[in-house]
Protein backbone atom coordinates (compact mmCIF):
# COMPACT_ATOMS: atom_id res chain seq x y z
CA MET A 1 119.53 131.85 134.43
CA ARG A 2 119.21 129.70 136.96
CA ILE A 3 121.73 126.88 137.30
CA VAL A 4 122.39 123.73 139.34
CA ILE A 5 125.68 122.48 139.62
CA ALA A 6 126.66 118.46 140.11
CA GLU A 7 130.49 118.31 140.39
CA ASP A 8 131.88 115.85 143.20
CA ASP A 9 135.60 117.72 142.95
CA PRO A 10 134.95 120.68 146.01
CA LEU A 11 137.37 123.02 144.28
CA LEU A 12 135.75 122.63 140.42
CA ARG A 13 132.27 122.88 142.24
CA GLU A 14 132.61 125.48 144.30
CA GLY A 15 135.50 127.44 141.83
CA LEU A 16 132.24 127.09 138.81
CA ALA A 17 129.71 128.38 141.64
CA ALA A 18 131.69 131.28 142.15
CA LEU A 19 132.95 132.45 138.13
CA LEU A 20 129.38 131.82 137.33
CA ARG A 21 128.41 134.51 140.09
CA ALA A 22 130.19 136.26 139.26
CA GLU A 23 128.91 136.85 135.87
CA SER A 24 125.50 137.84 137.37
CA LEU A 25 124.42 134.60 137.13
CA ASP A 26 121.83 132.42 139.14
CA VAL A 27 123.50 129.13 140.64
CA VAL A 28 120.93 127.66 143.34
CA ALA A 29 122.47 124.75 143.98
CA THR A 30 125.47 122.73 144.17
CA THR A 31 125.76 119.51 144.60
CA ASP A 32 128.38 116.70 145.01
CA ASN A 33 126.23 113.34 143.91
CA PRO A 34 123.36 112.09 141.72
CA VAL A 35 120.89 112.19 144.77
CA SER A 36 120.78 115.78 145.87
CA PHE A 37 121.41 116.65 141.97
CA LEU A 38 118.50 115.38 141.56
CA GLU A 39 116.99 116.27 144.35
CA ALA A 40 117.91 120.44 143.85
CA ILE A 41 116.48 119.96 139.83
CA ASP A 42 112.74 118.66 141.49
CA GLU A 43 113.02 122.06 144.21
CA HIS A 44 115.24 124.45 141.96
CA ALA A 45 113.89 123.94 138.42
CA PRO A 46 116.78 125.27 137.09
CA ASP A 47 117.09 126.70 133.38
CA ILE A 48 120.52 124.71 132.86
CA ALA A 49 122.36 121.80 134.87
CA ILE A 50 126.56 121.50 134.77
CA VAL A 51 126.75 117.66 135.40
CA ASP A 52 130.02 115.58 136.00
CA VAL A 53 129.91 112.21 133.70
CA ARG A 54 132.04 110.62 136.75
CA MET A 55 130.36 110.85 140.28
CA PRO A 56 130.22 108.91 143.55
CA PRO A 57 129.19 106.31 144.19
CA THR A 58 131.46 104.01 140.98
CA HIS A 59 132.69 107.18 139.32
CA THR A 60 131.79 105.79 135.48
CA ASP A 61 128.81 107.06 134.50
CA GLU A 62 126.44 108.45 137.43
CA GLY A 63 126.61 112.07 136.18
CA ILE A 64 125.54 110.99 132.64
CA ARG A 65 122.56 108.92 133.94
CA ALA A 66 121.57 111.72 136.37
CA ALA A 67 121.43 114.13 133.65
CA VAL A 68 118.77 111.78 132.24
CA GLU A 69 116.68 111.36 134.85
CA ALA A 70 117.01 115.68 135.37
CA ARG A 71 115.58 115.48 131.60
CA ARG A 72 112.83 113.22 132.09
CA ARG A 73 111.42 114.66 135.26
CA GLN A 74 112.05 118.46 133.84
CA PRO A 75 111.68 118.02 129.85
CA GLY A 76 113.80 120.66 128.22
CA LEU A 77 116.58 120.87 130.60
CA ALA A 78 120.04 122.54 129.54
CA VAL A 79 122.53 120.14 130.32
CA LEU A 80 126.35 120.96 130.19
CA VAL A 81 128.66 118.09 130.65
CA LEU A 82 131.62 118.12 132.01
CA SER A 83 134.44 115.30 131.67
CA ALA A 84 138.52 115.32 132.44
CA TYR A 85 139.24 113.69 128.99
CA VAL A 86 137.13 112.55 126.15
CA GLU A 87 134.95 109.83 126.30
CA GLN A 88 133.93 109.50 122.63
CA ALA A 89 130.85 106.64 123.01
CA PHE A 90 128.80 109.98 125.07
CA ALA A 91 130.57 112.07 123.12
CA THR A 92 128.96 110.76 119.61
CA ASP A 93 126.36 109.65 121.52
CA LEU A 94 124.99 113.51 122.97
CA LEU A 95 123.53 114.69 119.46
CA ALA A 96 121.60 111.20 118.68
CA GLY A 97 117.85 111.55 117.85
CA GLY A 98 118.40 115.47 117.33
CA ALA A 99 119.08 116.51 120.52
CA VAL A 100 119.08 119.99 121.54
CA ARG A 101 120.08 122.02 124.56
CA LEU A 102 122.97 119.45 125.35
CA GLY A 103 126.72 120.25 125.72
CA TYR A 104 129.85 118.00 126.19
CA MET A 105 132.98 119.85 127.30
CA LEU A 106 136.70 119.19 129.13
CA LYS A 107 136.91 120.11 132.34
CA GLU A 108 140.24 122.09 131.24
CA ARG A 109 138.35 124.38 129.08
CA VAL A 110 136.51 126.01 132.11
CA GLY A 111 139.77 127.59 132.74
CA ARG A 112 138.92 129.91 129.35
CA VAL A 113 136.32 131.70 130.65
CA GLU A 114 135.16 133.31 128.24
CA GLU A 115 134.95 130.18 126.23
CA PHE A 116 133.04 128.53 128.44
CA LEU A 117 130.37 130.66 129.46
CA ARG A 118 130.00 130.86 125.34
CA ALA A 119 129.23 127.53 125.45
CA LEU A 120 127.14 127.53 128.69
CA GLN A 121 125.07 130.60 126.56
CA ARG A 122 124.66 128.59 123.74
CA VAL A 123 123.25 125.24 125.34
CA ALA A 124 120.76 127.33 128.08
CA ASP A 125 119.86 129.31 124.59
CA GLY A 126 118.65 125.82 123.09
CA GLY A 127 121.65 124.79 121.52
CA THR A 128 124.95 121.96 121.62
CA ALA A 129 128.37 122.86 121.97
CA ILE A 130 130.80 120.18 121.54
CA ASP A 131 134.47 120.39 122.97
CA PRO A 132 136.72 121.22 120.04
CA GLU A 133 139.28 118.86 121.27
CA VAL A 134 136.16 115.76 121.21
CA VAL A 135 136.06 116.89 117.48
CA GLY A 136 139.42 116.71 116.94
CA GLN A 137 140.00 113.32 118.16
CA LEU A 138 136.75 111.91 116.66
CA LEU A 139 138.21 112.71 113.27
CA ALA A 140 141.08 110.23 113.94
CA ARG A 141 138.73 107.38 113.46
CA PRO A 142 138.35 105.77 109.76
CA ARG A 143 136.31 106.66 107.30
CA GLN A 144 132.63 105.21 106.68
CA ASP A 145 130.67 107.45 104.51
CA ASP A 146 131.62 107.91 101.12
CA ALA A 147 129.15 110.76 100.92
CA LEU A 148 131.46 113.31 103.24
CA GLU A 149 133.95 112.72 100.54
CA ARG A 150 131.90 114.89 98.08
CA LEU A 151 132.22 117.57 100.46
CA SER A 152 135.20 120.41 99.34
CA PRO A 153 137.75 121.45 102.01
CA ARG A 154 136.19 124.64 103.41
CA GLU A 155 132.77 122.73 103.49
CA LEU A 156 134.54 120.66 106.17
CA ASP A 157 135.94 123.51 107.31
CA VAL A 158 132.10 124.68 108.32
CA LEU A 159 130.98 121.02 109.44
CA ALA A 160 133.60 120.44 111.92
CA LEU A 161 132.44 124.24 113.15
CA MET A 162 129.20 123.07 113.11
CA ALA A 163 130.12 119.78 115.21
CA GLU A 164 131.34 122.60 117.89
CA GLY A 165 127.55 124.17 118.20
CA LEU A 166 128.55 127.59 116.53
CA GLY A 167 125.99 129.01 114.72
CA ASN A 168 126.13 131.08 110.73
CA THR A 169 127.76 134.29 112.54
CA ALA A 170 130.43 132.90 114.78
CA ILE A 171 131.29 130.11 112.05
CA ALA A 172 131.98 133.41 109.62
CA GLU A 173 133.86 135.30 112.37
CA ARG A 174 135.99 132.20 112.55
CA LEU A 175 136.58 131.59 108.77
CA PHE A 176 136.88 135.05 107.95
CA VAL A 177 134.30 134.82 105.39
CA THR A 178 130.18 136.25 105.04
CA GLU A 179 127.42 135.03 106.94
CA GLY A 180 125.70 134.61 103.01
CA ALA A 181 128.56 132.46 102.41
CA VAL A 182 128.61 130.35 105.43
CA HIS A 183 124.74 130.26 104.41
CA LYS A 184 125.70 128.71 100.78
CA HIS A 185 128.32 126.20 102.19
CA ILE A 186 125.71 124.69 104.31
CA ARG A 187 123.21 124.51 101.69
CA SER A 188 125.60 122.80 99.61
CA ILE A 189 126.69 120.65 102.14
CA PHE A 190 123.00 119.50 102.68
CA ALA A 191 122.80 118.78 98.89
CA LYS A 192 125.79 116.57 98.81
CA LEU A 193 124.72 115.02 101.93
CA ASP A 194 121.22 114.02 100.43
CA LEU A 195 119.33 115.94 103.42
CA SER A 196 116.40 116.45 102.19
CA PRO A 197 114.20 119.80 103.61
CA ASP A 198 111.03 117.40 103.90
CA ASP A 199 113.09 115.61 106.19
CA ARG A 200 111.27 115.19 109.92
CA ALA A 201 115.14 115.06 111.51
CA ASP A 202 117.03 118.37 111.73
CA ARG A 203 119.32 118.73 108.62
CA ARG A 204 121.90 120.63 110.64
CA VAL A 205 122.28 117.81 113.66
CA THR A 206 121.78 115.18 110.96
CA ALA A 207 125.08 116.83 109.08
CA VAL A 208 126.88 117.04 112.29
CA LEU A 209 126.71 113.28 113.41
CA ARG A 210 127.20 111.78 110.28
CA TYR A 211 130.15 113.96 110.32
CA LEU A 212 131.42 112.35 113.91
CA ASP A 213 130.44 109.13 113.28
CA ASN A 214 132.49 109.44 109.90
CA PRO A 215 135.23 112.06 110.04
CA VAL A 216 136.79 112.69 106.87
CA SER A 217 140.42 113.58 106.68
CA ARG A 218 141.33 116.78 105.20
């Protein structure tokens, strides 16, 4: 796995690089600004980029815009975005359009090494990883989608873990149920949300989007 890191905090940038190299991962470049980040993407064609949301010069959304441009230049590039705190608008937009190979994690999660590495691998493998804290904060928003109220408490548990980017096996382990039971719950979720197998959109992503946009209290 070839990795480019774009992070303007030198301690976090070098700490990430050291952590990943200790795991025998190939960090091909580290950068501290959007311009050198895009140059590194062009030069190294990495498998995944780890990008800070806020970078110079204005420390607003330069990292996000650079990540979008990087994916335009290199279609299929996996991107794991890091943020110091929850920015709900971006977290929701992250999955828009059936996006894959994308992740959103809080920087504090990097210290939980195994969790961070699992999220990185999940994104690199083509999945989505949303920080549990982001999911938790989105849960506090008002409900709007009546269809979500049809879901049972267990189905909501499954959908919440899907929103974190977990696959069926990981969900089964987290809930202490069989993988077959998880599969059954997901089929029920799709049915209750009227997501047909013939839909062109990815049903799993569509269900997660509706959950993040309209969380239901449990």
